[in-house]
């Protein structure tokens, strides 16, 4: 986990993918852009819950409404996430 975080903040992931613009999903609130998930932090019940919702590596999400909770859209479905959960998700701008 720590090694992965160090690679992100250096601007590279192990797959060679650039993450220079990687930020926490919480910090993107209000931008209303399509974002790609590049990391979900933690290994506990909350990170498993995010995975069950479909928020995992490579998925594209859109912030519909910022705040706490924020409303996200993914694959035509909308759901709310608390600020605590938003802090666990690292995203980059979506391509395309």
C-alpha atoms as a PDB file:
ATOM      1  CA  UNK A   1       0.000   0.000   0.000  1.00  0.00           C
ATOM      2  CA  UNK A   2       2.691   2.513   1.005  1.00  0.00           C
ATOM      3  CA  UNK A   3       4.779   1.682  -2.072  1.00  0.00           C
ATOM      4  CA  UNK A   4       1.737   2.279  -4.307  1.00  0.00           C
ATOM      5  CA  UNK A   5       1.083   5.649  -2.668  1.00  0.00           C
ATOM      6  CA  UNK A   6       4.699   6.693  -3.142  1.00  0.00           C
ATOM      7  CA  UNK A   7       4.495   5.789  -6.829  1.00  0.00           C
ATOM      8  CA  UNK A   8       1.332   7.851  -7.264  1.00  0.00           C
ATOM      9  CA  UNK A   9       2.802  10.927  -5.646  1.00  0.00           C
ATOM     10  CA  UNK A  10       5.933  10.586  -7.783  1.00  0.00           C
ATOM     11  CA  UNK A  11       3.630  10.698 -10.818  1.00  0.00           C
ATOM     12  CA  UNK A  12       3.899   7.070 -12.004  1.00  0.00           C
ATOM     13  CA  UNK A  13       2.050   3.871 -11.287  1.00  0.00           C
ATOM     14  CA  UNK A  14       3.579   0.439 -11.675  1.00  0.00           C
ATOM     15  CA  UNK A  15       1.929   0.010 -15.090  1.00  0.00           C
ATOM     16  CA  UNK A  16       3.759   3.062 -16.416  1.00  0.00           C
ATOM     17  CA  UNK A  17       0.543   5.082 -16.454  1.00  0.00           C
ATOM     18  CA  UNK A  18       1.078   8.751 -15.634  1.00  0.00           C
ATOM     19  CA  UNK A  19      -0.825  10.025 -12.612  1.00  0.00           C
ATOM     20  CA  UNK A  20       0.627  13.533 -12.428  1.00  0.00           C
ATOM     21  CA  UNK A  21      -2.885  14.956 -11.998  1.00  0.00           C
ATOM     22  CA  UNK A  22      -4.126  12.341  -9.504  1.00  0.00           C
ATOM     23  CA  UNK A  23      -6.174  13.847  -6.686  1.00  0.00           C
ATOM     24  CA  UNK A  24      -8.634  12.666  -4.085  1.00  0.00           C
ATOM     25  CA  UNK A  25     -12.199  12.456  -5.339  1.00  0.00           C
ATOM     26  CA  UNK A  26     -13.179  14.703  -2.411  1.00  0.00           C
ATOM     27  CA  UNK A  27     -10.948  17.478  -3.834  1.00  0.00           C
ATOM     28  CA  UNK A  28     -12.685  17.298  -7.247  1.00  0.00           C
ATOM     29  CA  UNK A  29     -16.121  18.078  -5.896  1.00  0.00           C
ATOM     30  CA  UNK A  30     -17.743  20.762  -7.946  1.00  0.00           C
ATOM     31  CA  UNK A  31     -15.732  20.206 -11.112  1.00  0.00           C
ATOM     32  CA  UNK A  32     -18.491  18.073 -12.757  1.00  0.00           C
ATOM     33  CA  UNK A  33     -16.025  16.270 -15.005  1.00  0.00           C
ATOM     34  CA  UNK A  34     -15.674  12.656 -15.944  1.00  0.00           C
ATOM     35  CA  UNK A  35     -13.006  11.123 -13.737  1.00  0.00           C
ATOM     36  CA  UNK A  36     -11.213   7.781 -13.798  1.00  0.00           C
ATOM     37  CA  UNK A  37     -10.520   5.930 -10.549  1.00  0.00           C
ATOM     38  CA  UNK A  38      -6.808   5.162 -10.231  1.00  0.00           C
ATOM     39  CA  UNK A  39      -6.788   3.939  -6.618  1.00  0.00           C
ATOM     40  CA  UNK A  40      -9.111   3.060  -3.747  1.00  0.00           C
ATOM     41  CA  UNK A  41      -7.251   3.426  -0.451  1.00  0.00           C
ATOM     42  CA  UNK A  42      -7.612   1.094   2.466  1.00  0.00           C
ATOM     43  CA  UNK A  43      -8.299  -2.572   2.981  1.00  0.00           C
ATOM     44  CA  UNK A  44     -11.322  -2.642   5.239  1.00  0.00           C
ATOM     45  CA  UNK A  45     -15.095  -2.820   5.103  1.00  0.00           C
ATOM     46  CA  UNK A  46     -15.433   0.722   3.710  1.00  0.00           C
ATOM     47  CA  UNK A  47     -13.111   0.056   0.763  1.00  0.00           C
ATOM     48  CA  UNK A  48     -14.945  -3.230   0.136  1.00  0.00           C
ATOM     49  CA  UNK A  49     -18.221  -1.285   0.119  1.00  0.00           C
ATOM     50  CA  UNK A  50     -16.814   1.082  -2.520  1.00  0.00           C
ATOM     51  CA  UNK A  51     -15.855  -1.950  -4.591  1.00  0.00           C
ATOM     52  CA  UNK A  52     -19.372  -3.372  -4.214  1.00  0.00           C
ATOM     53  CA  UNK A  53     -20.738  -0.072  -5.555  1.00  0.00           C
ATOM     54  CA  UNK A  54     -18.448  -0.467  -8.563  1.00  0.00           C
ATOM     55  CA  UNK A  55     -15.911   2.175  -7.583  1.00  0.00           C
ATOM     56  CA  UNK A  56     -12.699   0.397  -8.459  1.00  0.00           C
ATOM     57  CA  UNK A  57      -9.550   0.814 -10.540  1.00  0.00           C
ATOM     58  CA  UNK A  58     -10.263   2.027 -14.071  1.00  0.00           C
ATOM     59  CA  UNK A  59     -13.948   2.927 -13.611  1.00  0.00           C
ATOM     60  CA  UNK A  60     -15.244   6.301 -14.788  1.00  0.00           C
ATOM     61  CA  UNK A  61     -17.377   8.416 -12.448  1.00  0.00           C
ATOM     62  CA  UNK A  62     -18.983  11.842 -12.796  1.00  0.00           C
ATOM     63  CA  UNK A  63     -19.642  14.209  -9.909  1.00  0.00           C
ATOM     64  CA  UNK A  64     -23.252  15.345 -10.278  1.00  0.00           C
ATOM     65  CA  UNK A  65     -23.406  17.356  -7.053  1.00  0.00           C
ATOM     66  CA  UNK A  66     -20.605  18.248  -4.696  1.00  0.00           C
ATOM     67  CA  UNK A  67     -20.935  18.388  -0.946  1.00  0.00           C
ATOM     68  CA  UNK A  68     -21.257  15.900   1.848  1.00  0.00           C
ATOM     69  CA  UNK A  69     -22.706  13.640   0.707  1.00  0.00           C
ATOM     70  CA  UNK A  70     -21.692  14.078  -2.931  1.00  0.00           C
ATOM     71  CA  UNK A  71     -23.816  12.588  -5.697  1.00  0.00           C
ATOM     72  CA  UNK A  72     -21.893  10.546  -8.247  1.00  0.00           C
ATOM     73  CA  UNK A  73     -23.011   8.997 -11.509  1.00  0.00           C
ATOM     74  CA  UNK A  74     -21.546   5.829 -12.947  1.00  0.00           C
ATOM     75  CA  UNK A  75     -22.928   3.770 -15.835  1.00  0.00           C
ATOM     76  CA  UNK A  76     -26.278   5.576 -15.699  1.00  0.00           C
ATOM     77  CA  UNK A  77     -26.772   5.063 -11.948  1.00  0.00           C
ATOM     78  CA  UNK A  78     -26.546   7.772  -9.319  1.00  0.00           C
ATOM     79  CA  UNK A  79     -25.618   7.337  -5.689  1.00  0.00           C
ATOM     80  CA  UNK A  80     -24.438   9.416  -2.742  1.00  0.00           C
ATOM     81  CA  UNK A  81     -21.069   9.061  -1.022  1.00  0.00           C
ATOM     82  CA  UNK A  82     -20.075  10.605   2.292  1.00  0.00           C
ATOM     83  CA  UNK A  83     -17.009  12.791   2.595  1.00  0.00           C
ATOM     84  CA  UNK A  84     -15.218  10.028   4.506  1.00  0.00           C
ATOM     85  CA  UNK A  85     -15.604   7.650   1.560  1.00  0.00           C
ATOM     86  CA  UNK A  86     -14.657  10.343  -0.959  1.00  0.00           C
ATOM     87  CA  UNK A  87     -11.294  10.646   0.832  1.00  0.00           C
ATOM     88  CA  UNK A  88     -10.476   7.038  -0.048  1.00  0.00           C
ATOM     89  CA  UNK A  89     -10.785   7.423  -3.829  1.00  0.00           C
ATOM     90  CA  UNK A  90      -7.921   8.793  -5.970  1.00  0.00           C
ATOM     91  CA  UNK A  91      -8.915   9.937  -9.473  1.00  0.00           C
ATOM     92  CA  UNK A  92      -7.504  11.449 -12.664  1.00  0.00           C
ATOM     93  CA  UNK A  93      -9.355  13.218 -15.492  1.00  0.00           C
ATOM     94  CA  UNK A  94     -11.006  10.683 -17.821  1.00  0.00           C
ATOM     95  CA  UNK A  95      -9.675  10.412 -21.359  1.00  0.00           C
ATOM     96  CA  UNK A  96     -12.093  10.651 -24.262  1.00  0.00           C
END
